[in-house]
Amino acid sequence: MEFDPRLLLHGQQYIELYQPIQSNGSFQVKTSIAGLHDKGKAAILEIETLCYDRESGQPIFMNRSTIYFRGAGGFSKCPQSPFSYSKDPTKQAPVVRIPKSEPFAVFEDGTLPSQ
């Protein structure tokens, strides 16, 4: 995937703690791609990092971050069904079909020039 690093944005950060983090000990960290989504003009990459206690093999925490790549989307073979991969099938993004009809309601709001 080609992208301009100046257009990269940090999307979100998420952490799950499974047990207290000790001040001593040895840990093993495994990082994997948890998701990749084509958003047309952008791509979203989810990176998952799992930290384990080296001796017991017990998980300590899971950290997931999302990176938003502006200008790197549009790599799907079929624009009507954009590519979306998630490591967890229950979190797979559904394909959204935009209706061709007029909207039922429209709400417009603006910001003040001082903002």
PDB file of N, CA and C in Angstrom:
ATOM      1  N   MET A   1       0.847  -1.167   0.000  1.00  0.00           N
ATOM      2  CA  MET A   1       0.000   0.000   0.000  1.00  0.00           C
ATOM      3  C   MET A   1       0.894   1.232   0.000  1.00  0.00           C
ATOM      4  N   GLU A   2       0.671   2.115  -0.938  1.00  0.00           N
ATOM      5  CA  GLU A   2       1.423   3.358  -0.990  1.00  0.00           C
ATOM      6  C   GLU A   2       0.623   4.461  -0.323  1.00  0.00           C
ATOM      7  N   PHE A   3       1.332   5.326   0.422  1.00  0.00           N
ATOM      8  CA  PHE A   3       0.660   6.438   1.088  1.00  0.00           C
ATOM      9  C   PHE A   3       1.663   7.539   1.357  1.00  0.00           C
ATOM     10  N   ASP A   4       1.138   8.720   1.562  1.00  0.00           N
ATOM     11  CA  ASP A   4       1.956   9.871   1.915  1.00  0.00           C
ATOM     12  C   ASP A   4       1.991   9.949   3.444  1.00  0.00           C
ATOM     13  N   PRO A   5       3.140   9.777   4.099  1.00  0.00           N
ATOM     14  CA  PRO A   5       3.184   9.767   5.565  1.00  0.00           C
ATOM     15  C   PRO A   5       2.708  11.075   6.196  1.00  0.00           C
ATOM     16  N   ARG A   6       2.695  12.166   5.442  1.00  0.00           N
ATOM     17  CA  ARG A   6       2.198  13.435   5.980  1.00  0.00           C
ATOM     18  C   ARG A   6       0.682  13.413   6.176  1.00  0.00           C
ATOM     19  N   LEU A   7      -0.001  12.464   5.525  1.00  0.00           N
ATOM     20  CA  LEU A   7      -1.461  12.379   5.616  1.00  0.00           C
ATOM     21  C   LEU A   7      -1.930  11.318   6.610  1.00  0.00           C
ATOM     22  N   LEU A   8      -1.007  10.691   7.327  1.00  0.00           N
ATOM     23  CA  LEU A   8      -1.340   9.648   8.292  1.00  0.00           C
ATOM     24  C   LEU A   8      -1.901  10.287   9.568  1.00  0.00           C
ATOM     25  N   LEU A   9      -2.984   9.694  10.088  1.00  0.00           N
ATOM     26  CA  LEU A   9      -3.595  10.177  11.325  1.00  0.00           C
ATOM     27  C   LEU A   9      -3.743   9.039  12.320  1.00  0.00           C
ATOM     28  N   HIS A  10      -3.503   9.326  13.586  1.00  0.00           N
ATOM     29  CA  HIS A  10      -3.777   8.345  14.644  1.00  0.00           C
ATOM     30  C   HIS A  10      -5.275   8.379  14.887  1.00  0.00           C
ATOM     31  N   GLY A  11      -5.938   7.233  14.705  1.00  0.00           N
ATOM     32  CA  GLY A  11      -7.386   7.188  14.823  1.00  0.00           C
ATOM     33  C   GLY A  11      -7.871   7.016  16.245  1.00  0.00           C
ATOM     34  N   GLN A  12      -7.488   5.931  16.879  1.00  0.00           N
ATOM     35  CA  GLN A  12      -7.923   5.675  18.251  1.00  0.00           C
ATOM     36  C   GLN A  12      -6.955   4.714  18.923  1.00  0.00           C
ATOM     37  N   GLN A  13      -7.076   4.622  20.220  1.00  0.00           N
ATOM     38  CA  GLN A  13      -6.240   3.730  21.024  1.00  0.00           C
ATOM     39  C   GLN A  13      -7.151   3.026  22.019  1.00  0.00           C
ATOM     40  N   TYR A  14      -6.965   1.732  22.185  1.00  0.00           N
ATOM     41  CA  TYR A  14      -7.814   0.941  23.069  1.00  0.00           C
ATOM     42  C   TYR A  14      -6.933  -0.045  23.817  1.00  0.00           C
ATOM     43  N   ILE A  15      -7.181  -0.219  25.107  1.00  0.00           N
ATOM     44  CA  ILE A  15      -6.395  -1.170  25.888  1.00  0.00           C
ATOM     45  C   ILE A  15      -7.318  -1.974  26.803  1.00  0.00           C
ATOM     46  N   GLU A  16      -7.037  -3.265  26.908  1.00  0.00           N
ATOM     47  CA  GLU A  16      -7.723  -4.150  27.852  1.00  0.00           C
ATOM     48  C   GLU A  16      -6.666  -4.717  28.782  1.00  0.00           C
ATOM     49  N   LEU A  17      -6.832  -4.487  30.074  1.00  0.00           N
ATOM     50  CA  LEU A  17      -5.910  -5.036  31.072  1.00  0.00           C
ATOM     51  C   LEU A  17      -6.504  -6.326  31.613  1.00  0.00           C
ATOM     52  N   TYR A  18      -5.737  -7.416  31.549  1.00  0.00           N
ATOM     53  CA  TYR A  18      -6.213  -8.715  32.021  1.00  0.00           C
ATOM     54  C   TYR A  18      -5.739  -9.011  33.444  1.00  0.00           C
ATOM     55  N   GLN A  19      -4.634  -8.385  33.849  1.00  0.00           N
ATOM     56  CA  GLN A  19      -4.113  -8.537  35.197  1.00  0.00           C
ATOM     57  C   GLN A  19      -3.182  -7.358  35.471  1.00  0.00           C
ATOM     58  N   PRO A  20      -2.854  -7.108  36.734  1.00  0.00           N
ATOM     59  CA  PRO A  20      -1.959  -5.984  37.035  1.00  0.00           C
ATOM     60  C   PRO A  20      -0.602  -6.143  36.342  1.00  0.00           C
ATOM     61  N   ILE A  21      -0.063  -5.020  35.891  1.00  0.00           N
ATOM     62  CA  ILE A  21       1.257  -5.016  35.258  1.00  0.00           C
ATOM     63  C   ILE A  21       2.306  -4.917  36.368  1.00  0.00           C
ATOM     64  N   GLN A  22       3.172  -5.920  36.447  1.00  0.00           N
ATOM     65  CA  GLN A  22       4.198  -5.979  37.484  1.00  0.00           C
ATOM     66  C   GLN A  22       5.362  -5.055  37.125  1.00  0.00           C
ATOM     67  N   SER A  23       6.061  -4.561  38.145  1.00  0.00           N
ATOM     68  CA  SER A  23       7.218  -3.687  37.907  1.00  0.00           C
ATOM     69  C   SER A  23       8.468  -4.491  37.543  1.00  0.00           C
ATOM     70  N   ASN A  24       8.421  -5.802  37.767  1.00  0.00           N
ATOM     71  CA  ASN A  24       9.556  -6.652  37.388  1.00  0.00           C
ATOM     72  C   ASN A  24       9.009  -7.828  36.583  1.00  0.00           C
ATOM     73  N   GLY A  25       9.886  -8.575  35.986  1.00  0.00           N
ATOM     74  CA  GLY A  25       9.473  -9.724  35.201  1.00  0.00           C
ATOM     75  C   GLY A  25       9.898  -9.564  33.757  1.00  0.00           C
ATOM     76  N   SER A  26       9.533 -10.557  32.975  1.00  0.00           N
ATOM     77  CA  SER A  26       9.890 -10.572  31.565  1.00  0.00           C
ATOM     78  C   SER A  26       8.626 -10.802  30.751  1.00  0.00           C
ATOM     79  N   PHE A  27       8.472 -10.051  29.690  1.00  0.00           N
ATOM     80  CA  PHE A  27       7.264 -10.109  28.885  1.00  0.00           C
ATOM     81  C   PHE A  27       7.575 -10.469  27.450  1.00  0.00           C
ATOM     82  N   GLN A  28       6.579 -11.008  26.782  1.00  0.00           N
ATOM     83  CA  GLN A  28       6.671 -11.290  25.355  1.00  0.00           C
ATOM     84  C   GLN A  28       5.543 -10.528  24.683  1.00  0.00           C
ATOM     85  N   VAL A  29       5.855  -9.823  23.593  1.00  0.00           N
ATOM     86  CA  VAL A  29       4.874  -9.004  22.900  1.00  0.00           C
ATOM     87  C   VAL A  29       4.705  -9.527  21.480  1.00  0.00           C
ATOM     88  N   LYS A  30       3.449  -9.692  21.064  1.00  0.00           N
ATOM     89  CA  LYS A  30       3.136 -10.129  19.696  1.00  0.00           C
ATOM     90  C   LYS A  30       2.226  -9.087  19.059  1.00  0.00           C
ATOM     91  N   THR A  31       2.590  -8.629  17.882  1.00  0.00           N
ATOM     92  CA  THR A  31       1.824  -7.620  17.173  1.00  0.00           C
ATOM     93  C   THR A  31       1.291  -8.217  15.872  1.00  0.00           C
ATOM     94  N   SER A  32       0.042  -7.897  15.563  1.00  0.00           N
ATOM     95  CA  SER A  32      -0.566  -8.407  14.332  1.00  0.00           C
ATOM     96  C   SER A  32      -1.534  -7.384  13.758  1.00  0.00           C
ATOM     97  N   ILE A  33      -1.885  -7.570  12.497  1.00  0.00           N
ATOM     98  CA  ILE A  33      -2.897  -6.730  11.860  1.00  0.00           C
ATOM     99  C   ILE A  33      -4.257  -7.282  12.252  1.00  0.00           C
ATOM    100  N   ALA A  34      -5.068  -6.443  12.891  1.00  0.00           N
ATOM    101  CA  ALA A  34      -6.384  -6.863  13.345  1.00  0.00           C
ATOM    102  C   ALA A  34      -7.481  -6.451  12.384  1.00  0.00           C
ATOM    103  N   GLY A  35      -7.192  -5.538  11.484  1.00  0.00           N
ATOM    104  CA  GLY A  35      -8.210  -5.116  10.534  1.00  0.00           C
ATOM    105  C   GLY A  35      -7.635  -4.199   9.472  1.00  0.00           C
ATOM    106  N   LEU A  36      -8.253  -4.234   8.297  1.00  0.00           N
ATOM    107  CA  LEU A  36      -7.897  -3.345   7.191  1.00  0.00           C
ATOM    108  C   LEU A  36      -9.187  -3.044   6.446  1.00  0.00           C
ATOM    109  N   HIS A  37      -9.480  -1.756   6.277  1.00  0.00           N
ATOM    110  CA  HIS A  37     -10.750  -1.362   5.681  1.00  0.00           C
ATOM    111  C   HIS A  37     -10.526  -0.292   4.619  1.00  0.00           C
ATOM    112  N   ASP A  38     -11.108  -0.500   3.430  1.00  0.00           N
ATOM    113  CA  ASP A  38     -11.065   0.475   2.348  1.00  0.00           C
ATOM    114  C   ASP A  38     -12.258   1.398   2.507  1.00  0.00           C
ATOM    115  N   LYS A  39     -11.992   2.682   2.697  1.00  0.00           N
ATOM    116  CA  LYS A  39     -13.060   3.672   2.876  1.00  0.00           C
ATOM    117  C   LYS A  39     -13.196   4.585   1.659  1.00  0.00           C
ATOM    118  N   GLY A  40     -12.702   4.116   0.519  1.00  0.00           N
ATOM    119  CA  GLY A  40     -12.806   4.925  -0.701  1.00  0.00           C
ATOM    120  C   GLY A  40     -11.611   5.846  -0.854  1.00  0.00           C
ATOM    121  N   LYS A  41     -11.655   7.001  -0.211  1.00  0.00           N
ATOM    122  CA  LYS A  41     -10.549   7.957  -0.287  1.00  0.00           C
ATOM    123  C   LYS A  41      -9.518   7.743   0.812  1.00  0.00           C
ATOM    124  N   ALA A  42      -9.766   6.794   1.687  1.00  0.00           N
ATOM    125  CA  ALA A  42      -8.852   6.529   2.803  1.00  0.00           C
ATOM    126  C   ALA A  42      -8.855   5.038   3.130  1.00  0.00           C
ATOM    127  N   ALA A  43      -7.870   4.625   3.906  1.00  0.00           N
ATOM    128  CA  ALA A  43      -7.792   3.250   4.405  1.00  0.00           C
ATOM    129  C   ALA A  43      -7.615   3.309   5.921  1.00  0.00           C
ATOM    130  N   ILE A  44      -8.183   2.325   6.601  1.00  0.00           N
ATOM    131  CA  ILE A  44      -8.048   2.238   8.054  1.00  0.00           C
ATOM    132  C   ILE A  44      -7.346   0.929   8.380  1.00  0.00           C
ATOM    133  N   LEU A  45      -6.285   1.020   9.165  1.00  0.00           N
ATOM    134  CA  LEU A  45      -5.508  -0.136   9.581  1.00  0.00           C
ATOM    135  C   LEU A  45      -5.624  -0.277  11.091  1.00  0.00           C
ATOM    136  N   GLU A  46      -5.999  -1.465  11.557  1.00  0.00           N
ATOM    137  CA  GLU A  46      -6.073  -1.752  12.992  1.00  0.00           C
ATOM    138  C   GLU A  46      -4.890  -2.645  13.360  1.00  0.00           C
ATOM    139  N   ILE A  47      -4.131  -2.234  14.355  1.00  0.00           N
ATOM    140  CA  ILE A  47      -2.971  -3.009  14.818  1.00  0.00           C
ATOM    141  C   ILE A  47      -3.236  -3.465  16.243  1.00  0.00           C
ATOM    142  N   GLU A  48      -3.064  -4.774  16.484  1.00  0.00           N
ATOM    143  CA  GLU A  48      -3.304  -5.348  17.804  1.00  0.00           C
ATOM    144  C   GLU A  48      -1.987  -5.837  18.389  1.00  0.00           C
ATOM    145  N   THR A  49      -1.719  -5.451  19.633  1.00  0.00           N
ATOM    146  CA  THR A  49      -0.522  -5.875  20.337  1.00  0.00           C
ATOM    147  C   THR A  49      -0.937  -6.623  21.597  1.00  0.00           C
ATOM    148  N   LEU A  50      -0.484  -7.868  21.733  1.00  0.00           N
ATOM    149  CA  LEU A  50      -0.768  -8.684  22.911  1.00  0.00           C
ATOM    150  C   LEU A  50       0.520  -8.832  23.705  1.00  0.00           C
ATOM    151  N   CYS A  51       0.434  -8.608  25.007  1.00  0.00           N
ATOM    152  CA  CYS A  51       1.579  -8.731  25.898  1.00  0.00           C
ATOM    153  C   CYS A  51       1.336  -9.903  26.840  1.00  0.00           C
ATOM    154  N   TYR A  52       2.298 -10.822  26.911  1.00  0.00           N
ATOM    155  CA  TYR A  52       2.198 -12.023  27.742  1.00  0.00           C
ATOM    156  C   TYR A  52       3.320 -12.047  28.768  1.00  0.00           C
ATOM    157  N   ASP A  53       3.072 -12.678  29.910  1.00  0.00           N
ATOM    158  CA  ASP A  53       4.117 -12.976  30.878  1.00  0.00           C
ATOM    159  C   ASP A  53       4.976 -14.081  30.274  1.00  0.00           C
ATOM    160  N   ARG A  54       6.271 -13.863  30.173  1.00  0.00           N
ATOM    161  CA  ARG A  54       7.149 -14.834  29.499  1.00  0.00           C
ATOM    162  C   ARG A  54       7.190 -16.179  30.214  1.00  0.00           C
ATOM    163  N   GLU A  55       7.139 -16.179  31.540  1.00  0.00           N
ATOM    164  CA  GLU A  55       7.229 -17.436  32.298  1.00  0.00           C
ATOM    165  C   GLU A  55       5.939 -18.242  32.243  1.00  0.00           C
ATOM    166  N   SER A  56       4.818 -17.606  32.535  1.00  0.00           N
ATOM    167  CA  SER A  56       3.553 -18.350  32.615  1.00  0.00           C
ATOM    168  C   SER A  56       2.796 -18.410  31.290  1.00  0.00           C
ATOM    169  N   GLY A  57       3.085 -17.476  30.394  1.00  0.00           N
ATOM    170  CA  GLY A  57       2.345 -17.423  29.133  1.00  0.00           C
ATOM    171  C   GLY A  57       0.979 -16.769  29.259  1.00  0.00           C
ATOM    172  N   GLN A  58       0.655 -16.284  30.449  1.00  0.00           N
ATOM    173  CA  GLN A  58      -0.642 -15.640  30.685  1.00  0.00           C
ATOM    174  C   GLN A  58      -0.666 -14.258  30.039  1.00  0.00           C
ATOM    175  N   PRO A  59      -1.802 -13.898  29.426  1.00  0.00           N
ATOM    176  CA  PRO A  59      -1.893 -12.554  28.829  1.00  0.00           C
ATOM    177  C   PRO A  59      -1.951 -11.473  29.911  1.00  0.00           C
ATOM    178  N   ILE A  60      -1.235 -10.378  29.685  1.00  0.00           N
ATOM    179  CA  ILE A  60      -1.205  -9.248  30.612  1.00  0.00           C
ATOM    180  C   ILE A  60      -2.164  -8.154  30.117  1.00  0.00           C
ATOM    181  N   PHE A  61      -2.006  -7.784  28.847  1.00  0.00           N
ATOM    182  CA  PHE A  61      -2.902  -6.780  28.273  1.00  0.00           C
ATOM    183  C   PHE A  61      -2.951  -6.904  26.764  1.00  0.00           C
ATOM    184  N   MET A  62      -3.980  -6.274  26.188  1.00  0.00           N
ATOM    185  CA  MET A  62      -4.125  -6.172  24.738  1.00  0.00           C
ATOM    186  C   MET A  62      -4.284  -4.690  24.413  1.00  0.00           C
ATOM    187  N   ASN A  63      -3.545  -4.229  23.431  1.00  0.00           N
ATOM    188  CA  ASN A  63      -3.594  -2.840  23.005  1.00  0.00           C
ATOM    189  C   ASN A  63      -3.949  -2.831  21.518  1.00  0.00           C
ATOM    190  N   ARG A  64      -4.943  -2.058  21.155  1.00  0.00           N
ATOM    191  CA  ARG A  64      -5.328  -1.954  19.740  1.00  0.00           C
ATOM    192  C   ARG A  64      -5.311  -0.479  19.347  1.00  0.00           C
ATOM    193  N   SER A  65      -4.639  -0.185  18.258  1.00  0.00           N
ATOM    194  CA  SER A  65      -4.611   1.179  17.747  1.00  0.00           C
ATOM    195  C   SER A  65      -5.096   1.180  16.306  1.00  0.00           C
ATOM    196  N   THR A  66      -5.671   2.289  15.928  1.00  0.00           N
ATOM    197  CA  THR A  66      -6.205   2.454  14.582  1.00  0.00           C
ATOM    198  C   THR A  66      -5.461   3.592  13.903  1.00  0.00           C
ATOM    199  N   ILE A  67      -5.028   3.340  12.690  1.00  0.00           N
ATOM    200  CA  ILE A  67      -4.323   4.346  11.907  1.00  0.00           C
ATOM    201  C   ILE A  67      -5.163   4.649  10.678  1.00  0.00           C
ATOM    202  N   TYR A  68      -5.360   5.938  10.418  1.00  0.00           N
ATOM    203  CA  TYR A  68      -6.172   6.405   9.302  1.00  0.00           C
ATOM    204  C   TYR A  68      -5.229   6.944   8.231  1.00  0.00           C
ATOM    205  N   PHE A  69      -5.225   6.300   7.054  1.00  0.00           N
ATOM    206  CA  PHE A  69      -4.349   6.688   5.952  1.00  0.00           C
ATOM    207  C   PHE A  69      -5.164   7.482   4.927  1.00  0.00           C
ATOM    208  N   ARG A  70      -5.092   8.810   5.012  1.00  0.00           N
ATOM    209  CA  ARG A  70      -5.806   9.630   4.033  1.00  0.00           C
ATOM    210  C   ARG A  70      -5.157   9.464   2.662  1.00  0.00           C
ATOM    211  N   GLY A  71      -5.981   9.338   1.642  1.00  0.00           N
ATOM    212  CA  GLY A  71      -5.489   9.220   0.271  1.00  0.00           C
ATOM    213  C   GLY A  71      -5.025   7.827  -0.116  1.00  0.00           C
ATOM    214  N   ALA A  72      -5.164   6.838   0.767  1.00  0.00           N
ATOM    215  CA  ALA A  72      -4.666   5.484   0.477  1.00  0.00           C
ATOM    216  C   ALA A  72      -5.789   4.494   0.225  1.00  0.00           C
ATOM    217  N   GLY A  73      -7.018   4.945   0.127  1.00  0.00           N
ATOM    218  CA  GLY A  73      -8.137   4.027  -0.114  1.00  0.00           C
ATOM    219  C   GLY A  73      -8.332   3.763  -1.593  1.00  0.00           C
ATOM    220  N   GLY A  74      -9.449   3.133  -1.894  1.00  0.00           N
ATOM    221  CA  GLY A  74      -9.789   2.834  -3.280  1.00  0.00           C
ATOM    222  C   GLY A  74      -9.099   1.609  -3.843  1.00  0.00           C
ATOM    223  N   PHE A  75      -8.596   0.731  -2.986  1.00  0.00           N
ATOM    224  CA  PHE A  75      -7.892  -0.458  -3.472  1.00  0.00           C
ATOM    225  C   PHE A  75      -8.803  -1.658  -3.657  1.00  0.00           C
ATOM    226  N   SER A  76     -10.089  -1.510  -3.359  1.00  0.00           N
ATOM    227  CA  SER A  76     -11.032  -2.616  -3.541  1.00  0.00           C
ATOM    228  C   SER A  76     -11.250  -2.869  -5.030  1.00  0.00           C
ATOM    229  N   LYS A  77     -11.436  -4.130  -5.365  1.00  0.00           N
ATOM    230  CA  LYS A  77     -11.682  -4.481  -6.763  1.00  0.00           C
ATOM    231  C   LYS A  77     -13.080  -4.091  -7.204  1.00  0.00           C
ATOM    232  N   CYS A  78     -14.010  -4.052  -6.238  1.00  0.00           N
ATOM    233  CA  CYS A  78     -15.398  -3.729  -6.546  1.00  0.00           C
ATOM    234  C   CYS A  78     -15.833  -2.554  -5.664  1.00  0.00           C
ATOM    235  N   PRO A  79     -15.999  -1.335  -6.223  1.00  0.00           N
ATOM    236  CA  PRO A  79     -16.358  -0.182  -5.399  1.00  0.00           C
ATOM    237  C   PRO A  79     -17.715  -0.326  -4.698  1.00  0.00           C
ATOM    238  N   GLN A  80     -18.626  -1.143  -5.263  1.00  0.00           N
ATOM    239  CA  GLN A  80     -19.931  -1.327  -4.623  1.00  0.00           C
ATOM    240  C   GLN A  80     -19.824  -2.183  -3.366  1.00  0.00           C
ATOM    241  N   SER A  81     -18.755  -2.954  -3.240  1.00  0.00           N
ATOM    242  CA  SER A  81     -18.542  -3.802  -2.068  1.00  0.00           C
ATOM    243  C   SER A  81     -17.110  -3.593  -1.580  1.00  0.00           C
ATOM    244  N   PRO A  82     -16.850  -2.490  -0.840  1.00  0.00           N
ATOM    245  CA  PRO A  82     -15.474  -2.173  -0.440  1.00  0.00           C
ATOM    246  C   PRO A  82     -14.856  -3.236   0.462  1.00  0.00           C
ATOM    247  N   PHE A  83     -13.550  -3.404   0.304  1.00  0.00           N
ATOM    248  CA  PHE A  83     -12.807  -4.396   1.078  1.00  0.00           C
ATOM    249  C   PHE A  83     -12.824  -4.039   2.551  1.00  0.00           C
ATOM    250  N   SER A  84     -13.086  -5.039   3.390  1.00  0.00           N
ATOM    251  CA  SER A  84     -13.056  -4.861   4.833  1.00  0.00           C
ATOM    252  C   SER A  84     -12.664  -6.188   5.458  1.00  0.00           C
ATOM    253  N   TYR A  85     -11.555  -6.189   6.190  1.00  0.00           N
ATOM    254  CA  TYR A  85     -11.081  -7.385   6.882  1.00  0.00           C
ATOM    255  C   TYR A  85     -11.012  -7.087   8.366  1.00  0.00           C
ATOM    256  N   SER A  86     -11.469  -8.021   9.176  1.00  0.00           N
ATOM    257  CA  SER A  86     -11.322  -7.914  10.615  1.00  0.00           C
ATOM    258  C   SER A  86     -10.921  -9.274  11.158  1.00  0.00           C
ATOM    259  N   LYS A  87      -9.945  -9.283  12.050  1.00  0.00           N
ATOM    260  CA  LYS A  87      -9.471 -10.519  12.672  1.00  0.00           C
ATOM    261  C   LYS A  87     -10.602 -11.206  13.439  1.00  0.00           C
ATOM    262  N   ASP A  88     -11.490 -10.405  14.001  1.00  0.00           N
ATOM    263  CA  ASP A  88     -12.644 -10.907  14.749  1.00  0.00           C
ATOM    264  C   ASP A  88     -13.874 -10.826  13.853  1.00  0.00           C
ATOM    265  N   PRO A  89     -14.402 -11.972  13.363  1.00  0.00           N
ATOM    266  CA  PRO A  89     -15.535 -11.941  12.428  1.00  0.00           C
ATOM    267  C   PRO A  89     -16.772 -11.248  12.992  1.00  0.00           C
ATOM    268  N   THR A  90     -16.944 -11.220  14.317  1.00  0.00           N
ATOM    269  CA  THR A  90     -18.120 -10.552  14.880  1.00  0.00           C
ATOM    270  C   THR A  90     -18.002  -9.037  14.763  1.00  0.00           C
ATOM    271  N   LYS A  91     -16.786  -8.529  14.520  1.00  0.00           N
ATOM    272  CA  LYS A  91     -16.585  -7.093  14.374  1.00  0.00           C
ATOM    273  C   LYS A  91     -16.407  -6.689  12.912  1.00  0.00           C
ATOM    274  N   GLN A  92     -16.686  -7.607  12.010  1.00  0.00           N
ATOM    275  CA  GLN A  92     -16.562  -7.328  10.584  1.00  0.00           C
ATOM    276  C   GLN A  92     -17.525  -6.217  10.206  1.00  0.00           C
ATOM    277  N   ALA A  93     -17.025  -5.207   9.549  1.00  0.00           N
ATOM    278  CA  ALA A  93     -17.866  -4.080   9.157  1.00  0.00           C
ATOM    279  C   ALA A  93     -18.828  -4.517   8.049  1.00  0.00           C
ATOM    280  N   PRO A  94     -20.123  -4.276   8.240  1.00  0.00           N
ATOM    281  CA  PRO A  94     -21.077  -4.634   7.200  1.00  0.00           C
ATOM    282  C   PRO A  94     -20.964  -3.686   6.009  1.00  0.00           C
ATOM    283  N   VAL A  95     -21.303  -4.191   4.848  1.00  0.00           N
ATOM    284  CA  VAL A  95     -21.311  -3.357   3.657  1.00  0.00           C
ATOM    285  C   VAL A  95     -22.544  -2.466   3.727  1.00  0.00           C
ATOM    286  N   VAL A  96     -22.332  -1.179   3.603  1.00  0.00           N
ATOM    287  CA  VAL A  96     -23.434  -0.221   3.667  1.00  0.00           C
ATOM    288  C   VAL A  96     -23.779   0.199   2.247  1.00  0.00           C
ATOM    289  N   ARG A  97     -25.014   0.031   1.878  1.00  0.00           N
ATOM    290  CA  ARG A  97     -25.494   0.450   0.567  1.00  0.00           C
ATOM    291  C   ARG A  97     -26.190   1.802   0.731  1.00  0.00           C
ATOM    292  N   ILE A  98     -25.712   2.798   0.021  1.00  0.00           N
ATOM    293  CA  ILE A  98     -26.299   4.128   0.108  1.00  0.00           C
ATOM    294  C   ILE A  98     -27.500   4.174  -0.825  1.00  0.00           C
ATOM    295  N   PRO A  99     -28.687   4.526  -0.287  1.00  0.00           N
ATOM    296  CA  PRO A  99     -29.879   4.560  -1.141  1.00  0.00           C
ATOM    297  C   PRO A  99     -29.795   5.696  -2.156  1.00  0.00           C
ATOM    298  N   LYS A 100     -30.454   5.503  -3.293  1.00  0.00           N
ATOM    299  CA  LYS A 100     -30.451   6.508  -4.347  1.00  0.00           C
ATOM    300  C   LYS A 100     -31.593   7.500  -4.175  1.00  0.00           C
ATOM    301  N   SER A 101     -32.474   7.256  -3.203  1.00  0.00           N
ATOM    302  CA  SER A 101     -33.606   8.150  -2.974  1.00  0.00           C
ATOM    303  C   SER A 101     -33.167   9.388  -2.197  1.00  0.00           C
ATOM    304  N   GLU A 102     -34.038  10.393  -2.158  1.00  0.00           N
ATOM    305  CA  GLU A 102     -33.781  11.608  -1.399  1.00  0.00           C
ATOM    306  C   GLU A 102     -33.850  11.298   0.093  1.00  0.00           C
ATOM    307  N   PRO A 103     -33.099  12.027   0.937  1.00  0.00           N
ATOM    308  CA  PRO A 103     -33.156  11.769   2.382  1.00  0.00           C
ATOM    309  C   PRO A 103     -34.522  12.134   2.955  1.00  0.00           C
ATOM    310  N   PHE A 104     -34.880  11.491   4.064  1.00  0.00           N
ATOM    311  CA  PHE A 104     -36.150  11.766   4.729  1.00  0.00           C
ATOM    312  C   PHE A 104     -36.110  13.114   5.444  1.00  0.00           C
ATOM    313  N   ALA A 105     -34.954  13.498   5.947  1.00  0.00           N
ATOM    314  CA  ALA A 105     -34.793  14.758   6.655  1.00  0.00           C
ATOM    315  C   ALA A 105     -33.359  15.248   6.479  1.00  0.00           C
ATOM    316  N   VAL A 106     -33.188  16.566   6.590  1.00  0.00           N
ATOM    317  CA  VAL A 106     -31.871  17.166   6.475  1.00  0.00           C
ATOM    318  C   VAL A 106     -31.691  18.138   7.632  1.00  0.00           C
ATOM    319  N   PHE A 107     -30.528  18.078   8.284  1.00  0.00           N
ATOM    320  CA  PHE A 107     -30.201  19.004   9.367  1.00  0.00           C
ATOM    321  C   PHE A 107     -28.848  19.626   9.033  1.00  0.00           C
ATOM    322  N   GLU A 108     -28.809  20.933   9.006  1.00  0.00           N
ATOM    323  CA  GLU A 108     -27.559  21.627   8.746  1.00  0.00           C
ATOM    324  C   GLU A 108     -27.241  22.528   9.914  1.00  0.00           C
ATOM    325  N   ASP A 109     -25.979  22.576  10.282  1.00  0.00           N
ATOM    326  CA  ASP A 109     -25.537  23.402  11.395  1.00  0.00           C
ATOM    327  C   ASP A 109     -24.182  23.975  11.017  1.00  0.00           C
ATOM    328  N   GLY A 110     -23.861  25.102  11.557  1.00  0.00           N
ATOM    329  CA  GLY A 110     -22.576  25.724  11.253  1.00  0.00           C
ATOM    330  C   GLY A 110     -21.849  26.118  12.519  1.00  0.00           C
ATOM    331  N   THR A 111     -20.591  26.452  12.362  1.00  0.00           N
ATOM    332  CA  THR A 111     -19.806  26.941  13.489  1.00  0.00           C
ATOM    333  C   THR A 111     -19.654  28.448  13.374  1.00  0.00           C
ATOM    334  N   LEU A 112     -19.418  29.089  14.476  1.00  0.00           N
ATOM    335  CA  LEU A 112     -19.216  30.529  14.478  1.00  0.00           C
ATOM    336  C   LEU A 112     -17.841  30.854  13.895  1.00  0.00           C
ATOM    337  N   PRO A 113     -17.680  32.001  13.268  1.00  0.00           N
ATOM    338  CA  PRO A 113     -16.363  32.356  12.698  1.00  0.00           C
ATOM    339  C   PRO A 113     -15.251  32.390  13.750  1.00  0.00           C
ATOM    340  N   SER A 114     -15.607  32.614  15.026  1.00  0.00           N
ATOM    341  CA  SER A 114     -14.597  32.681  16.075  1.00  0.00           C
ATOM    342  C   SER A 114     -14.084  31.306  16.502  1.00  0.00           C
ATOM    343  N   GLN A 115     -14.702  30.237  16.027  1.00  0.00           N
ATOM    344  CA  GLN A 115     -14.295  28.897  16.438  1.00  0.00           C
ATOM    345  C   GLN A 115     -13.194  28.366  15.565  1.00  0.00           C
TER     346      GLN A 115
END
